[in-house]
Amino acid sequence: MPYTRPHDAKSPRENWTLIDVLYDGGESEHAVAIGEWNGVRRLAMRWNGTEERPAGNPQSRGNATWFVLPPEIYDAGIIDKLPTNKQAIAKALLGRS
């Protein structure tokens, strides 16, 4: 079984709605996304996993999930490390200039 691609990590469905994957390092690497956690736009991260561990981390009951980052660390350079074409999207959706 191949690893779970970040576009397919949509759990926990009752709290998280994926808007866009901002960075996808591929198999065995990390991903960063923007989504809504209980209706509030937030950045989230995950480790994509491997063929041996397809759900990656974090996961719940075998379902790939996202770790939602606290807004206080957004200005620590995370957004500026995203691909250039995704920085503007993240800043606009999060209300950052």
N, C-alpha and C. Protein backbone atom coordinates (compact mmCIF):
# COMPACT_ATOMS: atom_id res chain seq x y z
N MET A 1 0.85 -1.19 0.00
CA MET A 1 0.00 0.00 0.00
C MET A 1 0.89 1.24 0.00
N PRO A 2 0.68 2.18 -0.91
CA PRO A 2 1.48 3.41 -0.93
C PRO A 2 1.13 4.30 0.25
N TYR A 3 2.00 5.27 0.51
CA TYR A 3 1.75 6.19 1.62
C TYR A 3 0.52 7.07 1.32
N THR A 4 -0.07 7.61 2.36
CA THR A 4 -1.21 8.50 2.22
C THR A 4 -0.73 9.87 1.79
N ARG A 5 -1.16 10.31 0.65
CA ARG A 5 -0.78 11.65 0.17
C ARG A 5 -1.50 12.70 1.03
N PRO A 6 -0.86 13.85 1.24
CA PRO A 6 -1.47 14.85 2.12
C PRO A 6 -2.85 15.33 1.67
N HIS A 7 -3.11 15.34 0.37
CA HIS A 7 -4.44 15.74 -0.10
C HIS A 7 -5.52 14.77 0.36
N ASP A 8 -5.11 13.56 0.72
CA ASP A 8 -6.07 12.53 1.15
C ASP A 8 -6.18 12.44 2.66
N ALA A 9 -5.40 13.20 3.41
CA ALA A 9 -5.47 13.21 4.87
C ALA A 9 -6.53 14.23 5.27
N LYS A 10 -7.69 13.76 5.63
CA LYS A 10 -8.81 14.67 5.90
C LYS A 10 -9.43 14.46 7.29
N SER A 11 -8.70 13.81 8.17
CA SER A 11 -9.23 13.54 9.50
C SER A 11 -8.59 14.48 10.51
N PRO A 12 -9.28 14.76 11.60
CA PRO A 12 -10.60 14.31 11.99
C PRO A 12 -11.69 15.12 11.28
N ARG A 13 -12.52 14.45 10.56
CA ARG A 13 -13.53 15.09 9.70
C ARG A 13 -14.47 16.03 10.44
N GLU A 14 -14.76 15.73 11.70
CA GLU A 14 -15.69 16.58 12.44
C GLU A 14 -15.07 17.92 12.84
N ASN A 15 -13.73 18.03 12.79
CA ASN A 15 -13.06 19.27 13.16
C ASN A 15 -12.29 19.92 12.03
N TRP A 16 -11.76 19.14 11.09
CA TRP A 16 -10.79 19.61 10.10
C TRP A 16 -11.36 19.60 8.70
N THR A 17 -11.18 20.72 7.99
CA THR A 17 -11.52 20.81 6.56
C THR A 17 -10.27 21.30 5.84
N LEU A 18 -9.73 20.48 4.97
CA LEU A 18 -8.53 20.83 4.22
C LEU A 18 -8.87 21.86 3.15
N ILE A 19 -8.10 22.95 3.08
CA ILE A 19 -8.27 23.96 2.03
C ILE A 19 -7.24 23.73 0.94
N ASP A 20 -5.95 23.63 1.32
CA ASP A 20 -4.89 23.45 0.32
C ASP A 20 -3.65 22.88 1.00
N VAL A 21 -2.94 22.02 0.27
CA VAL A 21 -1.64 21.54 0.72
C VAL A 21 -0.62 22.57 0.22
N LEU A 22 0.09 23.18 1.15
CA LEU A 22 1.03 24.24 0.83
C LEU A 22 2.42 23.70 0.51
N TYR A 23 2.75 22.56 1.09
CA TYR A 23 4.05 21.93 0.84
C TYR A 23 3.88 20.42 0.98
N ASP A 24 4.38 19.68 0.02
CA ASP A 24 4.34 18.23 0.05
C ASP A 24 5.73 17.72 -0.30
N GLY A 25 6.46 17.23 0.69
CA GLY A 25 7.81 16.72 0.47
C GLY A 25 7.84 15.34 -0.14
N GLY A 26 6.68 14.68 -0.25
CA GLY A 26 6.63 13.34 -0.83
C GLY A 26 6.75 12.26 0.23
N GLU A 27 6.91 11.06 -0.23
CA GLU A 27 7.00 9.90 0.67
C GLU A 27 8.16 10.07 1.65
N SER A 28 7.90 9.72 2.90
CA SER A 28 8.88 9.76 3.98
C SER A 28 9.33 11.18 4.34
N GLU A 29 8.57 12.18 3.92
CA GLU A 29 8.87 13.58 4.23
C GLU A 29 7.65 14.25 4.84
N HIS A 30 7.75 15.54 5.09
CA HIS A 30 6.68 16.29 5.75
C HIS A 30 5.78 17.01 4.75
N ALA A 31 4.64 17.42 5.26
CA ALA A 31 3.69 18.22 4.49
C ALA A 31 3.15 19.32 5.40
N VAL A 32 2.80 20.44 4.78
CA VAL A 32 2.19 21.57 5.47
C VAL A 32 0.92 21.92 4.71
N ALA A 33 -0.14 22.21 5.44
CA ALA A 33 -1.41 22.53 4.80
C ALA A 33 -2.08 23.69 5.51
N ILE A 34 -3.05 24.26 4.82
CA ILE A 34 -3.94 25.23 5.45
C ILE A 34 -5.34 24.63 5.37
N GLY A 35 -6.06 24.82 6.45
CA GLY A 35 -7.41 24.29 6.52
C GLY A 35 -8.19 25.03 7.58
N GLU A 36 -9.33 24.49 7.90
CA GLU A 36 -10.14 25.08 8.97
C GLU A 36 -10.32 24.06 10.08
N TRP A 37 -9.99 24.48 11.28
CA TRP A 37 -10.19 23.68 12.48
C TRP A 37 -11.37 24.30 13.21
N ASN A 38 -12.49 23.61 13.23
CA ASN A 38 -13.72 24.13 13.83
C ASN A 38 -14.07 25.51 13.29
N GLY A 39 -13.88 25.68 11.96
CA GLY A 39 -14.27 26.91 11.29
C GLY A 39 -13.24 28.03 11.31
N VAL A 40 -12.09 27.82 11.96
CA VAL A 40 -11.05 28.84 12.04
C VAL A 40 -9.87 28.39 11.18
N ARG A 41 -9.38 29.26 10.31
CA ARG A 41 -8.26 28.91 9.43
C ARG A 41 -6.98 28.73 10.23
N ARG A 42 -6.31 27.60 9.94
CA ARG A 42 -5.09 27.25 10.67
C ARG A 42 -4.10 26.53 9.77
N LEU A 43 -2.83 26.61 10.11
CA LEU A 43 -1.79 25.81 9.47
C LEU A 43 -1.70 24.47 10.19
N ALA A 44 -1.35 23.43 9.45
CA ALA A 44 -1.19 22.11 10.04
C ALA A 44 -0.02 21.40 9.35
N MET A 45 0.54 20.41 10.05
CA MET A 45 1.66 19.64 9.51
C MET A 45 1.41 18.16 9.73
N ARG A 46 2.17 17.35 8.96
CA ARG A 46 2.16 15.90 9.16
C ARG A 46 3.38 15.30 8.47
N TRP A 47 3.75 14.10 8.87
CA TRP A 47 4.76 13.32 8.19
C TRP A 47 3.99 12.39 7.26
N ASN A 48 4.34 12.40 5.98
CA ASN A 48 3.57 11.67 4.99
C ASN A 48 3.57 10.16 5.15
N GLY A 49 4.61 9.59 5.70
CA GLY A 49 4.66 8.15 5.86
C GLY A 49 5.41 7.48 4.73
N THR A 50 5.38 6.15 4.76
CA THR A 50 6.07 5.32 3.78
C THR A 50 5.14 4.19 3.36
N GLU A 51 5.60 3.38 2.45
CA GLU A 51 4.80 2.23 2.05
C GLU A 51 4.57 1.29 3.24
N GLU A 52 5.57 1.19 4.12
CA GLU A 52 5.45 0.33 5.31
C GLU A 52 4.55 0.96 6.38
N ARG A 53 4.54 2.28 6.45
CA ARG A 53 3.70 3.02 7.42
C ARG A 53 2.87 4.04 6.66
N PRO A 54 1.88 3.58 5.90
CA PRO A 54 1.17 4.46 4.96
C PRO A 54 0.37 5.60 5.59
N ALA A 55 -0.07 5.47 6.82
CA ALA A 55 -0.86 6.55 7.43
C ALA A 55 0.01 7.71 7.86
N GLY A 56 1.33 7.51 7.97
CA GLY A 56 2.19 8.59 8.42
C GLY A 56 1.95 8.93 9.87
N ASN A 57 2.23 10.20 10.21
CA ASN A 57 2.07 10.64 11.59
C ASN A 57 1.73 12.12 11.61
N PRO A 58 0.75 12.57 12.35
CA PRO A 58 -0.06 11.76 13.24
C PRO A 58 -1.09 10.93 12.47
N GLN A 59 -1.63 9.96 13.19
CA GLN A 59 -2.70 9.13 12.65
C GLN A 59 -3.60 8.70 13.81
N SER A 60 -4.81 8.37 13.47
CA SER A 60 -5.77 7.90 14.47
C SER A 60 -6.50 6.69 13.90
N ARG A 61 -6.35 5.56 14.57
CA ARG A 61 -6.99 4.32 14.12
C ARG A 61 -6.68 3.99 12.67
N GLY A 62 -5.45 4.30 12.25
CA GLY A 62 -5.03 4.00 10.88
C GLY A 62 -5.38 5.07 9.87
N ASN A 63 -6.05 6.13 10.30
CA ASN A 63 -6.42 7.23 9.40
C ASN A 63 -5.41 8.36 9.53
N ALA A 64 -4.91 8.84 8.40
CA ALA A 64 -3.98 9.96 8.40
C ALA A 64 -4.67 11.21 8.91
N THR A 65 -4.01 11.90 9.85
CA THR A 65 -4.57 13.13 10.42
C THR A 65 -3.53 14.25 10.32
N TRP A 66 -3.95 15.45 10.68
CA TRP A 66 -3.09 16.63 10.68
C TRP A 66 -2.85 17.08 12.11
N PHE A 67 -1.67 17.65 12.36
CA PHE A 67 -1.35 18.30 13.62
C PHE A 67 -1.52 19.80 13.39
N VAL A 68 -2.47 20.40 14.07
CA VAL A 68 -2.78 21.82 13.89
C VAL A 68 -1.80 22.64 14.73
N LEU A 69 -1.14 23.59 14.07
CA LEU A 69 -0.14 24.41 14.71
C LEU A 69 -0.77 25.61 15.43
N PRO A 70 -0.21 26.01 16.56
CA PRO A 70 -0.73 27.19 17.24
C PRO A 70 -0.38 28.45 16.44
N PRO A 71 -1.31 29.39 16.33
CA PRO A 71 -1.07 30.60 15.55
C PRO A 71 0.13 31.41 16.02
N GLU A 72 0.50 31.28 17.28
CA GLU A 72 1.62 32.05 17.83
C GLU A 72 2.94 31.74 17.12
N ILE A 73 3.06 30.60 16.46
CA ILE A 73 4.33 30.27 15.81
C ILE A 73 4.33 30.56 14.32
N TYR A 74 3.23 31.04 13.76
CA TYR A 74 3.19 31.33 12.32
C TYR A 74 4.27 32.34 11.91
N ASP A 75 4.53 33.30 12.76
CA ASP A 75 5.49 34.35 12.43
C ASP A 75 6.93 33.93 12.71
N ALA A 76 7.15 32.68 13.05
CA ALA A 76 8.50 32.18 13.33
C ALA A 76 9.21 31.74 12.04
N GLY A 77 8.70 32.16 10.91
CA GLY A 77 9.34 31.86 9.64
C GLY A 77 8.76 30.68 8.89
N ILE A 78 7.74 30.03 9.43
CA ILE A 78 7.17 28.86 8.77
C ILE A 78 6.60 29.24 7.41
N ILE A 79 5.82 30.28 7.35
CA ILE A 79 5.20 30.68 6.09
C ILE A 79 6.26 31.06 5.06
N ASP A 80 7.31 31.73 5.51
CA ASP A 80 8.37 32.17 4.59
C ASP A 80 9.19 31.01 4.03
N LYS A 81 9.09 29.84 4.61
CA LYS A 81 9.81 28.66 4.12
C LYS A 81 8.98 27.85 3.11
N LEU A 82 7.73 28.22 2.92
CA LEU A 82 6.88 27.53 1.96
C LEU A 82 7.30 27.89 0.53
N PRO A 83 6.92 27.07 -0.45
CA PRO A 83 7.18 27.46 -1.84
C PRO A 83 6.60 28.85 -2.11
N THR A 84 7.31 29.64 -2.88
CA THR A 84 6.94 31.03 -3.13
C THR A 84 5.49 31.19 -3.56
N ASN A 85 5.01 30.32 -4.44
CA ASN A 85 3.63 30.45 -4.94
C ASN A 85 2.60 30.14 -3.86
N LYS A 86 2.99 29.49 -2.77
CA LYS A 86 2.04 29.17 -1.69
C LYS A 86 2.11 30.17 -0.54
N GLN A 87 3.19 30.96 -0.46
CA GLN A 87 3.31 31.93 0.62
C GLN A 87 2.19 32.95 0.59
N ALA A 88 1.89 33.47 -0.58
CA ALA A 88 0.83 34.48 -0.71
C ALA A 88 -0.53 33.90 -0.34
N ILE A 89 -0.78 32.67 -0.72
CA ILE A 89 -2.04 32.01 -0.37
C ILE A 89 -2.17 31.89 1.14
N ALA A 90 -1.11 31.39 1.78
CA ALA A 90 -1.14 31.23 3.23
C ALA A 90 -1.33 32.56 3.94
N LYS A 91 -0.59 33.57 3.54
CA LYS A 91 -0.69 34.88 4.17
C LYS A 91 -2.08 35.48 3.99
N ALA A 92 -2.64 35.37 2.81
CA ALA A 92 -3.97 35.92 2.56
C ALA A 92 -5.03 35.20 3.38
N LEU A 93 -4.99 33.88 3.39
CA LEU A 93 -6.01 33.12 4.12
C LEU A 93 -5.90 33.25 5.62
N LEU A 94 -4.69 33.50 6.11
CA LEU A 94 -4.49 33.64 7.55
C LEU A 94 -4.50 35.08 8.02
N GLY A 95 -4.70 36.02 7.10
CA GLY A 95 -4.76 37.44 7.47
C GLY A 95 -3.41 38.00 7.87
N ARG A 96 -2.33 37.45 7.31
CA ARG A 96 -0.98 37.95 7.56
C ARG A 96 -0.56 38.82 6.39
N SER A 97 0.28 39.82 6.64
CA SER A 97 0.72 40.68 5.53
C SER A 97 2.07 40.28 5.02
